Amino acid sequence: MTAVLSVHDLHVAIGHRENAANVLRGASLDVGAGEVRGLVGESGAGKSMLGRAVLGLLPANAVITAGTILFEGRDLVAMPEPERRSLLGRRIALIPQDPMTSLNPVKRVGGQIATLLRHHLALSRRDALARAEELLAEVAIREPRRVLELYPHEISGGMRQRVLIAMAFACDPSLVIADEPTTALDVTVQRQVLQLVERLRLRHGAAILFVTHDLGVVAKICRTMTVLHAGRVLEEGETADVLAKPRHPYTRALLAATPRADRPAEALRPVPPALIESLWAEAHRLDRQSAVAMS
């Protein structure tokens, strides 16, 4: 399978000089054409930071210190900023985690979608609004023409997430970064959103990097998965294989800590602190080795 996205040995540090902290430590992964790859790990693992590195949306005090990010064969790290920005929203899209803070609260829904379409596809305002209505209908929003005239606070959280999904797929991107798009939704809406993302993926042929801490979501939608901790890839493979026979102790601990609907009486088993301590000790050892090599 041809890789739409190929991240190789990516290192990202945040902070300044001697106070800089490594948040990605040699992370590597591939996402094939039309593939949904899950990127999983607990909070602070570096999942969202990897997605931001691909998008070129790292915090101002974060820097890529090594590695490559190949998108359709071109290295995004070495690409001039104007060229890279021209890809965002059109060839590489984002479904963010929080729909309320991701939409402009003082602009109508239709105007926000139309602005995206006019910028990337050079549509007239009338054509952009007509296409925006079609996009809302595509994500199963009732009365799309009426919703175009509403402000984000006038629609539900699930509808706001559908608007963002419509915007992500609006320009037929090759790659969509989905950054925990179901976290703030209840279980019923979450299932609907996952089904919607899968339907749009098939319709548009996009590859998806699905960032999440929820192994249940990974099992539902992702064909392959990558397990991240402390900015390092600990395990990857076909989702069914990793979930059935995890090789790394951390992956096994994550599975053991996941509540099971079919075993309601089973006590929750948190990830053992000793395992976390050993993983962080290894990460800090690699940091010291890297610092010595660069000095």
C-alpha atoms as a PDB file:
ATOM      1  CA  MET A   1       0.000   0.000   0.000  1.00  0.00           C
ATOM      2  CA  THR A   2       1.371   3.417  -0.974  1.00  0.00           C
ATOM      3  CA  ALA A   3       1.953   5.630   2.042  1.00  0.00           C
ATOM      4  CA  VAL A   4       0.160   8.972   1.919  1.00  0.00           C
ATOM      5  CA  LEU A   5       1.937   9.938   5.143  1.00  0.00           C
ATOM      6  CA  SER A   6       5.306   8.618   6.296  1.00  0.00           C
ATOM      7  CA  VAL A   7       6.738   9.967   9.554  1.00  0.00           C
ATOM      8  CA  HIS A   8      10.291   8.810  10.176  1.00  0.00           C
ATOM      9  CA  ASP A   9      12.389   9.227  13.336  1.00  0.00           C
ATOM     10  CA  LEU A  10      10.596  12.426  14.337  1.00  0.00           C
ATOM     11  CA  HIS A  11      11.980  14.369  17.296  1.00  0.00           C
ATOM     12  CA  VAL A  12      10.183  17.412  18.722  1.00  0.00           C
ATOM     13  CA  ALA A  13      11.345  19.520  21.672  1.00  0.00           C
ATOM     14  CA  ILE A  14       9.412  22.198  23.501  1.00  0.00           C
ATOM     15  CA  GLY A  15      11.014  24.996  25.495  1.00  0.00           C
ATOM     16  CA  HIS A  16      14.329  26.807  25.141  1.00  0.00           C
ATOM     17  CA  ARG A  17      17.859  25.370  24.998  1.00  0.00           C
ATOM     18  CA  GLU A  18      18.911  23.734  28.286  1.00  0.00           C
ATOM     19  CA  ASN A  19      15.306  23.865  29.544  1.00  0.00           C
ATOM     20  CA  ALA A  20      13.859  22.181  26.441  1.00  0.00           C
ATOM     21  CA  ALA A  21      11.839  19.010  26.998  1.00  0.00           C
ATOM     22  CA  ASN A  22      11.533  16.285  24.384  1.00  0.00           C
ATOM     23  CA  VAL A  23       7.930  15.435  23.560  1.00  0.00           C
ATOM     24  CA  LEU A  24       8.557  13.187  20.551  1.00  0.00           C
ATOM     25  CA  ARG A  25      11.503  10.829  20.619  1.00  0.00           C
ATOM     26  CA  GLY A  26      12.082   9.190  17.245  1.00  0.00           C
ATOM     27  CA  ALA A  27       8.416   8.531  16.440  1.00  0.00           C
ATOM     28  CA  SER A  28       7.742   6.785  13.131  1.00  0.00           C
ATOM     29  CA  LEU A  29       4.553   5.647  11.407  1.00  0.00           C
ATOM     30  CA  ASP A  30       3.004   5.220   7.965  1.00  0.00           C
ATOM     31  CA  VAL A  31      -0.580   5.832   6.847  1.00  0.00           C
ATOM     32  CA  GLY A  32      -1.515   4.193   3.552  1.00  0.00           C
ATOM     33  CA  ALA A  33      -3.937   5.504   0.948  1.00  0.00           C
ATOM     34  CA  GLY A  34      -7.488   5.086   2.237  1.00  0.00           C
ATOM     35  CA  GLU A  35      -6.251   3.619   5.531  1.00  0.00           C
ATOM     36  CA  VAL A  36      -7.463   4.523   9.023  1.00  0.00           C
ATOM     37  CA  ARG A  37      -4.571   4.282  11.481  1.00  0.00           C
ATOM     38  CA  GLY A  38      -5.214   4.739  15.175  1.00  0.00           C
ATOM     39  CA  LEU A  39      -2.634   6.609  17.246  1.00  0.00           C
ATOM     40  CA  VAL A  40      -3.235   5.664  20.874  1.00  0.00           C
ATOM     41  CA  GLY A  41      -1.749   6.316  24.275  1.00  0.00           C
ATOM     42  CA  GLU A  42      -2.565   8.021  27.548  1.00  0.00           C
ATOM     43  CA  SER A  43      -2.641  11.796  28.054  1.00  0.00           C
ATOM     44  CA  GLY A  44       0.819  13.304  27.536  1.00  0.00           C
ATOM     45  CA  ALA A  45       2.009  10.506  25.261  1.00  0.00           C
ATOM     46  CA  GLY A  46       2.616  12.917  22.379  1.00  0.00           C
ATOM     47  CA  LYS A  47      -0.307  11.898  20.160  1.00  0.00           C
ATOM     48  CA  SER A  48      -1.675  15.368  19.474  1.00  0.00           C
ATOM     49  CA  MET A  49       1.851  16.784  19.190  1.00  0.00           C
ATOM     50  CA  LEU A  50       2.602  14.338  16.391  1.00  0.00           C
ATOM     51  CA  GLY A  51      -0.585  15.361  14.601  1.00  0.00           C
ATOM     52  CA  ARG A  52       0.295  19.039  15.054  1.00  0.00           C
ATOM     53  CA  ALA A  53       3.762  18.401  13.650  1.00  0.00           C
ATOM     54  CA  VAL A  54       2.199  16.925  10.510  1.00  0.00           C
ATOM     55  CA  LEU A  55      -0.151  19.894  10.218  1.00  0.00           C
ATOM     56  CA  GLY A  56       2.594  22.437  10.896  1.00  0.00           C
ATOM     57  CA  LEU A  57       0.664  23.743  13.892  1.00  0.00           C
ATOM     58  CA  LEU A  58       3.199  23.180  16.661  1.00  0.00           C
ATOM     59  CA  PRO A  59       3.251  25.678  19.546  1.00  0.00           C
ATOM     60  CA  ALA A  60       5.522  28.680  19.070  1.00  0.00           C
ATOM     61  CA  ASN A  61       8.098  27.299  21.508  1.00  0.00           C
ATOM     62  CA  ALA A  62       8.190  23.817  19.935  1.00  0.00           C
ATOM     63  CA  VAL A  63      10.666  22.799  17.245  1.00  0.00           C
ATOM     64  CA  ILE A  64      11.318  19.721  15.119  1.00  0.00           C
ATOM     65  CA  THR A  65      14.916  18.787  15.926  1.00  0.00           C
ATOM     66  CA  ALA A  66      15.226  15.730  13.653  1.00  0.00           C
ATOM     67  CA  GLY A  67      13.268  13.476  11.335  1.00  0.00           C
ATOM     68  CA  THR A  68      11.133  13.702   8.226  1.00  0.00           C
ATOM     69  CA  ILE A  69       7.407  13.965   7.530  1.00  0.00           C
ATOM     70  CA  LEU A  70       6.702  12.798   3.998  1.00  0.00           C
ATOM     71  CA  PHE A  71       3.281  13.660   2.583  1.00  0.00           C
ATOM     72  CA  GLU A  72       2.688  12.162  -0.853  1.00  0.00           C
ATOM     73  CA  GLY A  73       6.476  11.870  -1.182  1.00  0.00           C
ATOM     74  CA  ARG A  74       7.297  15.475  -0.211  1.00  0.00           C
ATOM     75  CA  ASP A  75       9.022  16.359   3.040  1.00  0.00           C
ATOM     76  CA  LEU A  76       6.819  18.770   4.968  1.00  0.00           C
ATOM     77  CA  VAL A  77       9.681  19.625   7.356  1.00  0.00           C
ATOM     78  CA  ALA A  78      11.860  20.970   4.529  1.00  0.00           C
ATOM     79  CA  MET A  79       8.985  22.527   2.582  1.00  0.00           C
ATOM     80  CA  PRO A  80       8.767  26.352   2.444  1.00  0.00           C
ATOM     81  CA  GLU A  81       6.108  27.637   4.838  1.00  0.00           C
ATOM     82  CA  PRO A  82       3.843  29.232   2.179  1.00  0.00           C
ATOM     83  CA  GLU A  83       3.763  25.994   0.188  1.00  0.00           C
ATOM     84  CA  ARG A  84       3.072  23.957   3.297  1.00  0.00           C
ATOM     85  CA  ARG A  85       0.237  26.246   4.370  1.00  0.00           C
ATOM     86  CA  SER A  86      -1.375  25.933   0.944  1.00  0.00           C
ATOM     87  CA  LEU A  87      -1.841  22.202   1.656  1.00  0.00           C
ATOM     88  CA  LEU A  88      -3.726  22.740   4.915  1.00  0.00           C
ATOM     89  CA  GLY A  89      -7.473  22.510   4.558  1.00  0.00           C
ATOM     90  CA  ARG A  90      -7.190  21.200   1.020  1.00  0.00           C
ATOM     91  CA  ARG A  91      -4.806  18.227   0.836  1.00  0.00           C
ATOM     92  CA  ILE A  92      -4.346  17.801   4.616  1.00  0.00           C
ATOM     93  CA  ALA A  93      -7.346  18.462   6.857  1.00  0.00           C
ATOM     94  CA  LEU A  94      -8.061  18.448  10.586  1.00  0.00           C
ATOM     95  CA  ILE A  95     -11.044  17.321  12.633  1.00  0.00           C
ATOM     96  CA  PRO A  96     -10.306  18.977  16.000  1.00  0.00           C
ATOM     97  CA  GLN A  97     -11.248  17.747  19.443  1.00  0.00           C
ATOM     98  CA  ASP A  98     -13.414  20.612  20.708  1.00  0.00           C
ATOM     99  CA  PRO A  99     -15.986  21.877  18.179  1.00  0.00           C
ATOM    100  CA  MET A 100     -17.072  24.804  20.351  1.00  0.00           C
ATOM    101  CA  THR A 101     -13.625  26.407  20.490  1.00  0.00           C
ATOM    102  CA  SER A 102     -12.738  25.448  16.913  1.00  0.00           C
ATOM    103  CA  LEU A 103     -15.585  27.368  15.271  1.00  0.00           C
ATOM    104  CA  ASN A 104     -15.669  31.159  15.271  1.00  0.00           C
ATOM    105  CA  PRO A 105     -18.447  32.100  17.736  1.00  0.00           C
ATOM    106  CA  VAL A 106     -19.278  35.416  16.012  1.00  0.00           C
ATOM    107  CA  LYS A 107     -19.647  34.057  12.473  1.00  0.00           C
ATOM    108  CA  ARG A 108     -22.511  32.041  11.056  1.00  0.00           C
ATOM    109  CA  VAL A 109     -21.907  28.389  10.206  1.00  0.00           C
ATOM    110  CA  GLY A 110     -22.483  28.942   6.482  1.00  0.00           C
ATOM    111  CA  GLY A 111     -20.033  31.826   6.305  1.00  0.00           C
ATOM    112  CA  GLN A 112     -17.279  29.761   7.935  1.00  0.00           C
ATOM    113  CA  ILE A 113     -17.692  26.873   5.508  1.00  0.00           C
ATOM    114  CA  ALA A 114     -17.968  29.249   2.545  1.00  0.00           C
ATOM    115  CA  THR A 115     -14.740  31.029   3.511  1.00  0.00           C
ATOM    116  CA  LEU A 116     -12.888  27.710   3.394  1.00  0.00           C
ATOM    117  CA  LEU A 117     -14.337  26.820  -0.006  1.00  0.00           C
ATOM    118  CA  ARG A 118     -13.678  30.254  -1.495  1.00  0.00           C
ATOM    119  CA  HIS A 119     -10.074  30.224  -0.286  1.00  0.00           C
ATOM    120  CA  HIS A 120      -9.123  26.763  -1.547  1.00  0.00           C
ATOM    121  CA  LEU A 121     -11.459  26.254  -4.507  1.00  0.00           C
ATOM    122  CA  ALA A 122     -11.892  29.883  -5.671  1.00  0.00           C
ATOM    123  CA  LEU A 123     -15.692  29.582  -5.669  1.00  0.00           C
ATOM    124  CA  SER A 124     -17.994  32.578  -5.794  1.00  0.00           C
ATOM    125  CA  ARG A 125     -19.868  33.389  -2.583  1.00  0.00           C
ATOM    126  CA  ARG A 126     -23.132  32.041  -4.039  1.00  0.00           C
ATOM    127  CA  ASP A 127     -21.512  28.802  -5.216  1.00  0.00           C
ATOM    128  CA  ALA A 128     -19.646  28.412  -1.922  1.00  0.00           C
ATOM    129  CA  LEU A 129     -22.863  28.730   0.096  1.00  0.00           C
ATOM    130  CA  ALA A 130     -24.621  26.262  -2.198  1.00  0.00           C
ATOM    131  CA  ARG A 131     -21.768  23.806  -1.748  1.00  0.00           C
ATOM    132  CA  ALA A 132     -21.827  24.418   2.030  1.00  0.00           C
ATOM    133  CA  GLU A 133     -25.490  23.401   2.078  1.00  0.00           C
ATOM    134  CA  GLU A 134     -24.626  20.207   0.189  1.00  0.00           C
ATOM    135  CA  LEU A 135     -21.840  19.445   2.663  1.00  0.00           C
ATOM    136  CA  LEU A 136     -24.153  19.803   5.662  1.00  0.00           C
ATOM    137  CA  ALA A 137     -26.632  17.480   4.005  1.00  0.00           C
ATOM    138  CA  GLU A 138     -23.767  15.039   3.369  1.00  0.00           C
ATOM    139  CA  VAL A 139     -23.059  14.838   7.097  1.00  0.00           C
ATOM    140  CA  ALA A 140     -26.747  14.186   7.830  1.00  0.00           C
ATOM    141  CA  ILE A 141     -27.670  17.588   9.284  1.00  0.00           C
ATOM    142  CA  ARG A 142     -31.402  18.225   8.940  1.00  0.00           C
ATOM    143  CA  GLU A 143     -32.543  21.466   7.381  1.00  0.00           C
ATOM    144  CA  PRO A 144     -29.030  22.384   6.201  1.00  0.00           C
ATOM    145  CA  ARG A 145     -30.139  25.705   4.687  1.00  0.00           C
ATOM    146  CA  ARG A 146     -31.472  26.849   8.061  1.00  0.00           C
ATOM    147  CA  VAL A 147     -28.345  25.679   9.897  1.00  0.00           C
ATOM    148  CA  LEU A 148     -26.171  27.748   7.543  1.00  0.00           C
ATOM    149  CA  GLU A 149     -27.720  30.861   9.074  1.00  0.00           C
ATOM    150  CA  LEU A 150     -27.097  29.846  12.689  1.00  0.00           C
ATOM    151  CA  TYR A 151     -24.205  30.672  14.988  1.00  0.00           C
ATOM    152  CA  PRO A 152     -22.207  27.793  16.569  1.00  0.00           C
ATOM    153  CA  HIS A 153     -23.788  28.298  20.017  1.00  0.00           C
ATOM    154  CA  GLU A 154     -27.244  27.810  18.473  1.00  0.00           C
ATOM    155  CA  ILE A 155     -26.576  24.191  17.502  1.00  0.00           C
ATOM    156  CA  SER A 156     -25.764  21.125  19.594  1.00  0.00           C
ATOM    157  CA  GLY A 157     -22.285  19.727  20.258  1.00  0.00           C
ATOM    158  CA  GLY A 158     -22.939  16.796  17.943  1.00  0.00           C
ATOM    159  CA  MET A 159     -24.040  19.124  15.142  1.00  0.00           C
ATOM    160  CA  ARG A 160     -20.987  21.328  15.651  1.00  0.00           C
ATOM    161  CA  GLN A 161     -18.773  18.256  15.300  1.00  0.00           C
ATOM    162  CA  ARG A 162     -20.605  17.335  12.097  1.00  0.00           C
ATOM    163  CA  VAL A 163     -19.944  20.836  10.749  1.00  0.00           C
ATOM    164  CA  LEU A 164     -16.225  20.387  11.416  1.00  0.00           C
ATOM    165  CA  ILE A 165     -16.264  16.976   9.740  1.00  0.00           C
ATOM    166  CA  ALA A 166     -17.986  18.521   6.710  1.00  0.00           C
ATOM    167  CA  MET A 167     -15.286  21.209   6.586  1.00  0.00           C
ATOM    168  CA  ALA A 168     -12.512  18.612   6.862  1.00  0.00           C
ATOM    169  CA  PHE A 169     -13.772  16.674   3.838  1.00  0.00           C
ATOM    170  CA  ALA A 170     -14.946  19.741   1.877  1.00  0.00           C
ATOM    171  CA  CYS A 171     -11.933  19.919  -0.467  1.00  0.00           C
ATOM    172  CA  ASP A 172     -11.388  16.158  -0.951  1.00  0.00           C
ATOM    173  CA  PRO A 173      -8.187  15.893   1.131  1.00  0.00           C
ATOM    174  CA  SER A 174      -5.752  13.002   0.817  1.00  0.00           C
ATOM    175  CA  LEU A 175      -5.169  12.929   4.575  1.00  0.00           C
ATOM    176  CA  VAL A 176      -7.360  13.813   7.549  1.00  0.00           C
ATOM    177  CA  ILE A 177      -5.952  14.169  11.069  1.00  0.00           C
ATOM    178  CA  ALA A 178      -8.793  13.359  13.486  1.00  0.00           C
ATOM    179  CA  ASP A 179      -7.667  14.611  16.912  1.00  0.00           C
ATOM    180  CA  GLU A 180      -9.929  12.839  19.423  1.00  0.00           C
ATOM    181  CA  PRO A 181     -13.101  14.050  17.656  1.00  0.00           C
ATOM    182  CA  THR A 182     -15.456  11.952  19.817  1.00  0.00           C
ATOM    183  CA  THR A 183     -14.071  12.801  23.274  1.00  0.00           C
ATOM    184  CA  ALA A 184     -16.711  15.397  24.224  1.00  0.00           C
ATOM    185  CA  LEU A 185     -19.662  13.432  22.817  1.00  0.00           C
ATOM    186  CA  ASP A 186     -22.032  11.000  24.496  1.00  0.00           C
ATOM    187  CA  VAL A 187     -21.914   7.346  23.463  1.00  0.00           C
ATOM    188  CA  THR A 188     -24.841   7.504  21.023  1.00  0.00           C
ATOM    189  CA  VAL A 189     -23.530  10.571  19.199  1.00  0.00           C
ATOM    190  CA  GLN A 190     -20.030   9.114  19.265  1.00  0.00           C
ATOM    191  CA  ARG A 191     -21.221   6.042  17.368  1.00  0.00           C
ATOM    192  CA  GLN A 192     -22.985   8.219  14.796  1.00  0.00           C
ATOM    193  CA  VAL A 193     -19.869  10.348  14.292  1.00  0.00           C
ATOM    194  CA  LEU A 194     -17.664   7.284  13.807  1.00  0.00           C
ATOM    195  CA  GLN A 195     -20.085   5.878  11.224  1.00  0.00           C
ATOM    196  CA  LEU A 196     -20.144   9.254   9.486  1.00  0.00           C
ATOM    197  CA  VAL A 197     -16.340   9.513   9.340  1.00  0.00           C
ATOM    198  CA  GLU A 198     -16.113   5.998   7.921  1.00  0.00           C
ATOM    199  CA  ARG A 199     -18.763   6.741   5.278  1.00  0.00           C
ATOM    200  CA  LEU A 200     -16.996   9.940   4.204  1.00  0.00           C
ATOM    201  CA  ARG A 201     -13.624   8.184   4.130  1.00  0.00           C
ATOM    202  CA  LEU A 202     -14.990   5.632   1.703  1.00  0.00           C
ATOM    203  CA  ARG A 203     -16.711   8.296  -0.400  1.00  0.00           C
ATOM    204  CA  HIS A 204     -13.681  10.585  -0.634  1.00  0.00           C
ATOM    205  CA  GLY A 205     -10.919   7.973  -0.507  1.00  0.00           C
ATOM    206  CA  ALA A 206      -9.022   9.845   2.227  1.00  0.00           C
ATOM    207  CA  ALA A 207      -6.502   8.365   4.632  1.00  0.00           C
ATOM    208  CA  ILE A 208      -7.135   9.108   8.309  1.00  0.00           C
ATOM    209  CA  LEU A 209      -4.766   9.351  11.271  1.00  0.00           C
ATOM    210  CA  PHE A 210      -7.186   8.888  14.182  1.00  0.00           C
ATOM    211  CA  VAL A 211      -5.718  10.239  17.425  1.00  0.00           C
ATOM    212  CA  THR A 212      -7.445   8.831  20.524  1.00  0.00           C
ATOM    213  CA  HIS A 213      -6.979   7.386  23.989  1.00  0.00           C
ATOM    214  CA  ASP A 214     -10.022   5.132  23.540  1.00  0.00           C
ATOM    215  CA  LEU A 215      -9.158   1.584  22.488  1.00  0.00           C
ATOM    216  CA  GLY A 216     -12.862   0.908  21.886  1.00  0.00           C
ATOM    217  CA  VAL A 217     -12.896   3.580  19.187  1.00  0.00           C
ATOM    218  CA  VAL A 218      -9.734   2.106  17.659  1.00  0.00           C
ATOM    219  CA  ALA A 219     -11.351  -1.329  17.520  1.00  0.00           C
ATOM    220  CA  LYS A 220     -14.401   0.106  15.720  1.00  0.00           C
ATOM    221  CA  ILE A 221     -12.805   2.228  13.012  1.00  0.00           C
ATOM    222  CA  CYS A 222      -9.047   1.622  12.640  1.00  0.00           C
ATOM    223  CA  ARG A 223      -7.496  -1.106  10.502  1.00  0.00           C
ATOM    224  CA  THR A 224      -4.032  -0.478  11.919  1.00  0.00           C
ATOM    225  CA  MET A 225      -2.817   1.121  15.136  1.00  0.00           C
ATOM    226  CA  THR A 226       0.286   2.647  16.694  1.00  0.00           C
ATOM    227  CA  VAL A 227       0.846   2.748  20.463  1.00  0.00           C
ATOM    228  CA  LEU A 228       2.725   5.810  21.723  1.00  0.00           C
ATOM    229  CA  HIS A 229       4.176   6.603  25.137  1.00  0.00           C
ATOM    230  CA  ALA A 230       6.524   9.442  26.120  1.00  0.00           C
ATOM    231  CA  GLY A 231       6.887  10.311  22.444  1.00  0.00           C
ATOM    232  CA  ARG A 232       8.086   6.826  21.499  1.00  0.00           C
ATOM    233  CA  VAL A 233       6.340   4.175  19.416  1.00  0.00           C
ATOM    234  CA  LEU A 234       6.126   1.034  21.538  1.00  0.00           C
ATOM    235  CA  GLU A 235       4.014  -1.171  19.279  1.00  0.00           C
ATOM    236  CA  GLU A 236       2.174  -1.093  15.965  1.00  0.00           C
ATOM    237  CA  GLY A 237       0.398  -3.435  13.597  1.00  0.00           C
ATOM    238  CA  GLU A 238      -3.001  -4.615  12.431  1.00  0.00           C
ATOM    239  CA  THR A 239      -5.550  -3.548  15.028  1.00  0.00           C
ATOM    240  CA  ALA A 240      -7.065  -7.009  15.373  1.00  0.00           C
ATOM    241  CA  ASP A 241      -3.621  -8.531  15.952  1.00  0.00           C
ATOM    242  CA  VAL A 242      -2.450  -5.917  18.458  1.00  0.00           C
ATOM    243  CA  LEU A 243      -5.659  -6.120  20.494  1.00  0.00           C
ATOM    244  CA  ALA A 244      -5.735  -9.920  20.448  1.00  0.00           C
ATOM    245  CA  LYS A 245      -2.025 -10.534  21.118  1.00  0.00           C
ATOM    246  CA  PRO A 246      -0.282  -7.355  22.338  1.00  0.00           C
ATOM    247  CA  ARG A 247       3.491  -7.761  22.465  1.00  0.00           C
ATOM    248  CA  HIS A 248       4.541  -4.808  24.608  1.00  0.00           C
ATOM    249  CA  PRO A 249       3.787  -4.766  28.368  1.00  0.00           C
ATOM    250  CA  TYR A 250       2.426  -1.211  28.064  1.00  0.00           C
ATOM    251  CA  THR A 251      -0.103  -2.252  25.414  1.00  0.00           C
ATOM    252  CA  ARG A 252      -1.174  -5.169  27.595  1.00  0.00           C
ATOM    253  CA  ALA A 253      -1.543  -2.802  30.559  1.00  0.00           C
ATOM    254  CA  LEU A 254      -3.673  -0.381  28.527  1.00  0.00           C
ATOM    255  CA  LEU A 255      -5.978  -3.215  27.500  1.00  0.00           C
ATOM    256  CA  ALA A 256      -6.227  -4.444  31.076  1.00  0.00           C
ATOM    257  CA  ALA A 257      -7.152  -0.920  32.217  1.00  0.00           C
ATOM    258  CA  THR A 258      -9.990  -0.616  29.708  1.00  0.00           C
ATOM    259  CA  PRO A 259     -13.484  -1.218  31.167  1.00  0.00           C
ATOM    260  CA  ARG A 260     -15.308  -4.126  29.510  1.00  0.00           C
ATOM    261  CA  ALA A 261     -19.088  -4.070  28.998  1.00  0.00           C
ATOM    262  CA  ASP A 262     -19.076  -7.871  28.892  1.00  0.00           C
ATOM    263  CA  ARG A 263     -17.292  -8.043  32.285  1.00  0.00           C
ATOM    264  CA  PRO A 264     -19.057  -5.402  34.434  1.00  0.00           C
ATOM    265  CA  ALA A 265     -18.042  -6.959  37.748  1.00  0.00           C
ATOM    266  CA  GLU A 266     -14.335  -7.006  36.881  1.00  0.00           C
ATOM    267  CA  ALA A 267     -12.241  -4.574  38.929  1.00  0.00           C
ATOM    268  CA  LEU A 268     -10.423  -1.844  37.010  1.00  0.00           C
ATOM    269  CA  ARG A 269      -6.675  -2.396  36.798  1.00  0.00           C
ATOM    270  CA  PRO A 270      -4.705   0.829  36.335  1.00  0.00           C
ATOM    271  CA  VAL A 271      -1.421   0.785  34.452  1.00  0.00           C
ATOM    272  CA  PRO A 272       1.207  -0.281  37.038  1.00  0.00           C
ATOM    273  CA  PRO A 273       3.248   2.697  38.292  1.00  0.00           C
ATOM    274  CA  ALA A 274       6.427   0.613  38.089  1.00  0.00           C
ATOM    275  CA  LEU A 275       5.883   0.093  34.364  1.00  0.00           C
ATOM    276  CA  ILE A 276       5.352   3.820  33.791  1.00  0.00           C
ATOM    277  CA  GLU A 277       8.484   4.617  35.807  1.00  0.00           C
ATOM    278  CA  SER A 278      10.546   2.178  33.755  1.00  0.00           C
ATOM    279  CA  LEU A 279       9.256   3.617  30.466  1.00  0.00           C
ATOM    280  CA  TRP A 280      10.070   7.171  31.549  1.00  0.00           C
ATOM    281  CA  ALA A 281      13.496   6.067  32.771  1.00  0.00           C
ATOM    282  CA  GLU A 282      14.177   4.624  29.323  1.00  0.00           C
ATOM    283  CA  ALA A 283      12.928   7.821  27.668  1.00  0.00           C
ATOM    284  CA  HIS A 284      15.230   9.969  29.832  1.00  0.00           C
ATOM    285  CA  ARG A 285      18.159   7.640  29.093  1.00  0.00           C
ATOM    286  CA  LEU A 286      17.565   8.163  25.372  1.00  0.00           C
ATOM    287  CA  ASP A 287      17.419  11.924  25.967  1.00  0.00           C
ATOM    288  CA  ARG A 288      20.823  11.852  27.650  1.00  0.00           C
ATOM    289  CA  GLN A 289      22.301   9.790  24.828  1.00  0.00           C
ATOM    290  CA  SER A 290      20.913  12.235  22.277  1.00  0.00           C
ATOM    291  CA  ALA A 291      22.292  15.230  24.190  1.00  0.00           C
ATOM    292  CA  VAL A 292      25.763  13.665  24.345  1.00  0.00           C
ATOM    293  CA  ALA A 293      25.685  12.848  20.631  1.00  0.00           C
ATOM    294  CA  MET A 294      24.773  16.455  19.759  1.00  0.00           C
ATOM    295  CA  SER A 295      27.388  18.043  22.051  1.00  0.00           C
END
